[in-house]
Amino acid sequence: MAVSYAKLWKLLIDKKISKADLRKATGFSSNTLTKMNKGEYVALPVLDKICKHLECDFGDIITHIPNVDGGNKVE
């Protein structure tokens, strides 16, 4: 996994917003929510809509997980 949305899930709990309510409010698909639940990448416009709705920044909802298996380093 290369990204974590754990910060987003915690923020939703803190604001008492369900994942389904967030999806409806921002208009992204249930497939996108499934990707996020699996820790997969989603498009930046989706993250932008989430940030606008929650009045936060990208760093408040997503964390990059460095590749720990040693493959594909960017130098």
N, C-alpha and C. Protein backbone atom coordinates (compact mmCIF):
# COMPACT_ATOMS: atom_id res chain seq x y z
N MET A 1 0.85 -1.18 0.00
CA MET A 1 0.00 0.00 0.00
C MET A 1 0.89 1.23 0.00
N ALA A 2 0.54 2.20 -0.81
CA ALA A 2 1.35 3.40 -0.93
C ALA A 2 0.71 4.63 -0.30
N VAL A 3 -0.57 4.57 0.00
CA VAL A 3 -1.24 5.69 0.65
C VAL A 3 -2.13 5.17 1.77
N SER A 4 -2.33 6.04 2.74
CA SER A 4 -3.23 5.71 3.84
C SER A 4 -4.24 6.84 4.00
N TYR A 5 -5.48 6.47 4.14
CA TYR A 5 -6.54 7.46 4.37
C TYR A 5 -6.99 7.44 5.83
N ALA A 6 -6.16 6.89 6.71
CA ALA A 6 -6.51 6.79 8.13
C ALA A 6 -6.84 8.15 8.74
N LYS A 7 -6.09 9.18 8.33
CA LYS A 7 -6.37 10.53 8.83
C LYS A 7 -7.77 10.99 8.43
N LEU A 8 -8.17 10.66 7.20
CA LEU A 8 -9.50 11.03 6.73
C LEU A 8 -10.57 10.32 7.56
N TRP A 9 -10.40 9.02 7.77
CA TRP A 9 -11.41 8.26 8.53
C TRP A 9 -11.52 8.81 9.95
N LYS A 10 -10.39 9.18 10.57
CA LYS A 10 -10.43 9.75 11.91
C LYS A 10 -11.12 11.11 11.90
N LEU A 11 -10.82 11.92 10.88
CA LEU A 11 -11.45 13.24 10.77
C LEU A 11 -12.96 13.11 10.62
N LEU A 12 -13.40 12.14 9.83
CA LEU A 12 -14.83 11.91 9.67
C LEU A 12 -15.48 11.54 11.01
N ILE A 13 -14.81 10.68 11.77
CA ILE A 13 -15.33 10.30 13.09
C ILE A 13 -15.43 11.53 13.99
N ASP A 14 -14.36 12.33 14.00
CA ASP A 14 -14.35 13.54 14.84
C ASP A 14 -15.46 14.51 14.47
N LYS A 15 -15.78 14.60 13.16
CA LYS A 15 -16.82 15.51 12.70
C LYS A 15 -18.20 14.85 12.63
N LYS A 16 -18.24 13.58 13.02
CA LYS A 16 -19.50 12.81 13.02
C LYS A 16 -20.14 12.79 11.63
N ILE A 17 -19.31 12.49 10.62
CA ILE A 17 -19.75 12.38 9.24
C ILE A 17 -19.49 10.95 8.79
N SER A 18 -20.48 10.30 8.21
CA SER A 18 -20.26 8.94 7.71
C SER A 18 -19.57 8.99 6.34
N LYS A 19 -18.96 7.88 5.97
CA LYS A 19 -18.33 7.80 4.65
C LYS A 19 -19.37 7.99 3.55
N ALA A 20 -20.54 7.42 3.75
CA ALA A 20 -21.62 7.55 2.76
C ALA A 20 -22.05 9.02 2.63
N ASP A 21 -22.17 9.72 3.74
CA ASP A 21 -22.54 11.14 3.70
C ASP A 21 -21.48 11.97 2.98
N LEU A 22 -20.21 11.66 3.24
CA LEU A 22 -19.13 12.36 2.55
C LEU A 22 -19.21 12.11 1.05
N ARG A 23 -19.44 10.87 0.67
CA ARG A 23 -19.53 10.51 -0.75
C ARG A 23 -20.67 11.28 -1.42
N LYS A 24 -21.81 11.32 -0.77
CA LYS A 24 -22.96 12.04 -1.34
C LYS A 24 -22.69 13.54 -1.43
N ALA A 25 -22.08 14.11 -0.40
CA ALA A 25 -21.83 15.55 -0.36
C ALA A 25 -20.81 16.00 -1.40
N THR A 26 -19.86 15.12 -1.70
CA THR A 26 -18.81 15.50 -2.64
C THR A 26 -19.05 14.97 -4.05
N GLY A 27 -19.94 14.01 -4.19
CA GLY A 27 -20.32 13.52 -5.50
C GLY A 27 -19.40 12.49 -6.13
N PHE A 28 -18.48 11.91 -5.36
CA PHE A 28 -17.65 10.88 -5.97
C PHE A 28 -18.35 9.53 -5.88
N SER A 29 -17.90 8.59 -6.70
CA SER A 29 -18.60 7.31 -6.84
C SER A 29 -18.31 6.35 -5.69
N SER A 30 -19.15 5.34 -5.57
CA SER A 30 -18.92 4.31 -4.57
C SER A 30 -17.66 3.52 -4.88
N ASN A 31 -17.30 3.42 -6.17
CA ASN A 31 -16.05 2.76 -6.56
C ASN A 31 -14.85 3.51 -6.00
N THR A 32 -14.92 4.82 -6.00
CA THR A 32 -13.84 5.63 -5.45
C THR A 32 -13.72 5.39 -3.95
N LEU A 33 -14.83 5.32 -3.26
CA LEU A 33 -14.81 5.03 -1.83
C LEU A 33 -14.22 3.65 -1.57
N THR A 34 -14.53 2.69 -2.41
CA THR A 34 -13.96 1.35 -2.28
C THR A 34 -12.45 1.40 -2.44
N LYS A 35 -11.96 2.15 -3.42
CA LYS A 35 -10.52 2.31 -3.62
C LYS A 35 -9.87 2.90 -2.37
N MET A 36 -10.52 3.90 -1.81
CA MET A 36 -9.96 4.55 -0.63
C MET A 36 -9.94 3.58 0.55
N ASN A 37 -10.98 2.78 0.69
CA ASN A 37 -11.00 1.79 1.78
C ASN A 37 -9.89 0.77 1.64
N LYS A 38 -9.45 0.51 0.39
CA LYS A 38 -8.37 -0.44 0.13
C LYS A 38 -7.00 0.23 0.15
N GLY A 39 -6.95 1.54 0.37
CA GLY A 39 -5.68 2.26 0.39
C GLY A 39 -5.09 2.46 -0.99
N GLU A 40 -5.94 2.52 -2.00
CA GLU A 40 -5.48 2.73 -3.37
C GLU A 40 -5.54 4.21 -3.72
N TYR A 41 -4.79 4.57 -4.76
CA TYR A 41 -4.79 5.96 -5.22
C TYR A 41 -6.14 6.36 -5.79
N VAL A 42 -6.51 7.61 -5.56
CA VAL A 42 -7.69 8.20 -6.20
C VAL A 42 -7.24 9.51 -6.85
N ALA A 43 -8.04 10.03 -7.74
CA ALA A 43 -7.70 11.25 -8.48
C ALA A 43 -7.64 12.46 -7.55
N LEU A 44 -6.74 13.38 -7.87
CA LEU A 44 -6.60 14.59 -7.07
C LEU A 44 -7.88 15.42 -7.00
N PRO A 45 -8.68 15.52 -8.06
CA PRO A 45 -9.93 16.28 -7.92
C PRO A 45 -10.85 15.72 -6.84
N VAL A 46 -10.82 14.41 -6.63
CA VAL A 46 -11.63 13.82 -5.55
C VAL A 46 -11.11 14.30 -4.21
N LEU A 47 -9.80 14.24 -4.02
CA LEU A 47 -9.20 14.71 -2.76
C LEU A 47 -9.46 16.19 -2.55
N ASP A 48 -9.43 16.95 -3.64
CA ASP A 48 -9.71 18.39 -3.57
C ASP A 48 -11.15 18.64 -3.09
N LYS A 49 -12.11 17.90 -3.64
CA LYS A 49 -13.51 18.06 -3.21
C LYS A 49 -13.67 17.71 -1.73
N ILE A 50 -12.99 16.66 -1.30
CA ILE A 50 -13.07 16.25 0.11
C ILE A 50 -12.50 17.37 0.99
N CYS A 51 -11.34 17.89 0.61
CA CYS A 51 -10.72 18.96 1.40
C CYS A 51 -11.60 20.20 1.46
N LYS A 52 -12.20 20.55 0.34
CA LYS A 52 -13.10 21.71 0.34
C LYS A 52 -14.29 21.48 1.27
N HIS A 53 -14.86 20.29 1.20
CA HIS A 53 -16.03 19.98 2.03
C HIS A 53 -15.68 19.97 3.52
N LEU A 54 -14.52 19.41 3.85
CA LEU A 54 -14.12 19.29 5.26
C LEU A 54 -13.31 20.50 5.75
N GLU A 55 -13.03 21.44 4.82
CA GLU A 55 -12.23 22.63 5.14
C GLU A 55 -10.89 22.24 5.75
N CYS A 56 -10.13 21.44 4.97
CA CYS A 56 -8.83 20.97 5.43
C CYS A 56 -7.86 20.92 4.26
N ASP A 57 -6.67 20.41 4.49
CA ASP A 57 -5.63 20.30 3.47
C ASP A 57 -5.38 18.83 3.16
N PHE A 58 -4.68 18.56 2.05
CA PHE A 58 -4.39 17.18 1.66
C PHE A 58 -3.70 16.41 2.80
N GLY A 59 -2.77 17.05 3.46
CA GLY A 59 -2.03 16.40 4.54
C GLY A 59 -2.90 16.03 5.73
N ASP A 60 -4.08 16.60 5.81
CA ASP A 60 -5.00 16.28 6.90
C ASP A 60 -5.81 15.02 6.62
N ILE A 61 -5.78 14.53 5.35
CA ILE A 61 -6.62 13.37 5.01
C ILE A 61 -5.87 12.19 4.42
N ILE A 62 -4.62 12.41 4.00
CA ILE A 62 -3.89 11.33 3.32
C ILE A 62 -2.43 11.32 3.79
N THR A 63 -1.87 10.13 3.87
CA THR A 63 -0.46 9.95 4.22
C THR A 63 0.19 9.07 3.18
N HIS A 64 1.36 9.47 2.71
CA HIS A 64 2.13 8.65 1.78
C HIS A 64 2.91 7.61 2.58
N ILE A 65 2.82 6.37 2.16
CA ILE A 65 3.57 5.29 2.79
C ILE A 65 4.74 4.95 1.87
N PRO A 66 5.99 5.24 2.30
CA PRO A 66 7.12 4.93 1.44
C PRO A 66 7.20 3.44 1.12
N ASN A 67 7.73 3.13 -0.03
CA ASN A 67 7.90 1.74 -0.46
C ASN A 67 8.95 1.09 0.43
N VAL A 68 8.56 0.14 1.25
CA VAL A 68 9.48 -0.49 2.19
C VAL A 68 10.13 -1.74 1.64
N ASP A 69 9.74 -2.20 0.44
CA ASP A 69 10.34 -3.41 -0.11
C ASP A 69 11.57 -3.13 -0.97
N GLY A 70 12.00 -1.85 -1.03
CA GLY A 70 13.20 -1.51 -1.74
C GLY A 70 13.06 -1.31 -3.23
N GLY A 71 11.87 -1.39 -3.77
CA GLY A 71 11.69 -1.26 -5.21
C GLY A 71 11.37 0.14 -5.65
N ASN A 72 11.76 0.47 -6.86
CA ASN A 72 11.41 1.71 -7.55
C ASN A 72 11.65 2.98 -6.74
N LYS A 73 12.87 3.20 -6.31
CA LYS A 73 13.19 4.43 -5.62
C LYS A 73 13.35 5.56 -6.61
N VAL A 74 12.87 6.74 -6.24
CA VAL A 74 13.04 7.92 -7.06
C VAL A 74 14.21 8.70 -6.49
N GLU A 75 15.20 8.98 -7.35
CA GLU A 75 16.38 9.70 -6.86
C GLU A 75 16.55 11.00 -7.58
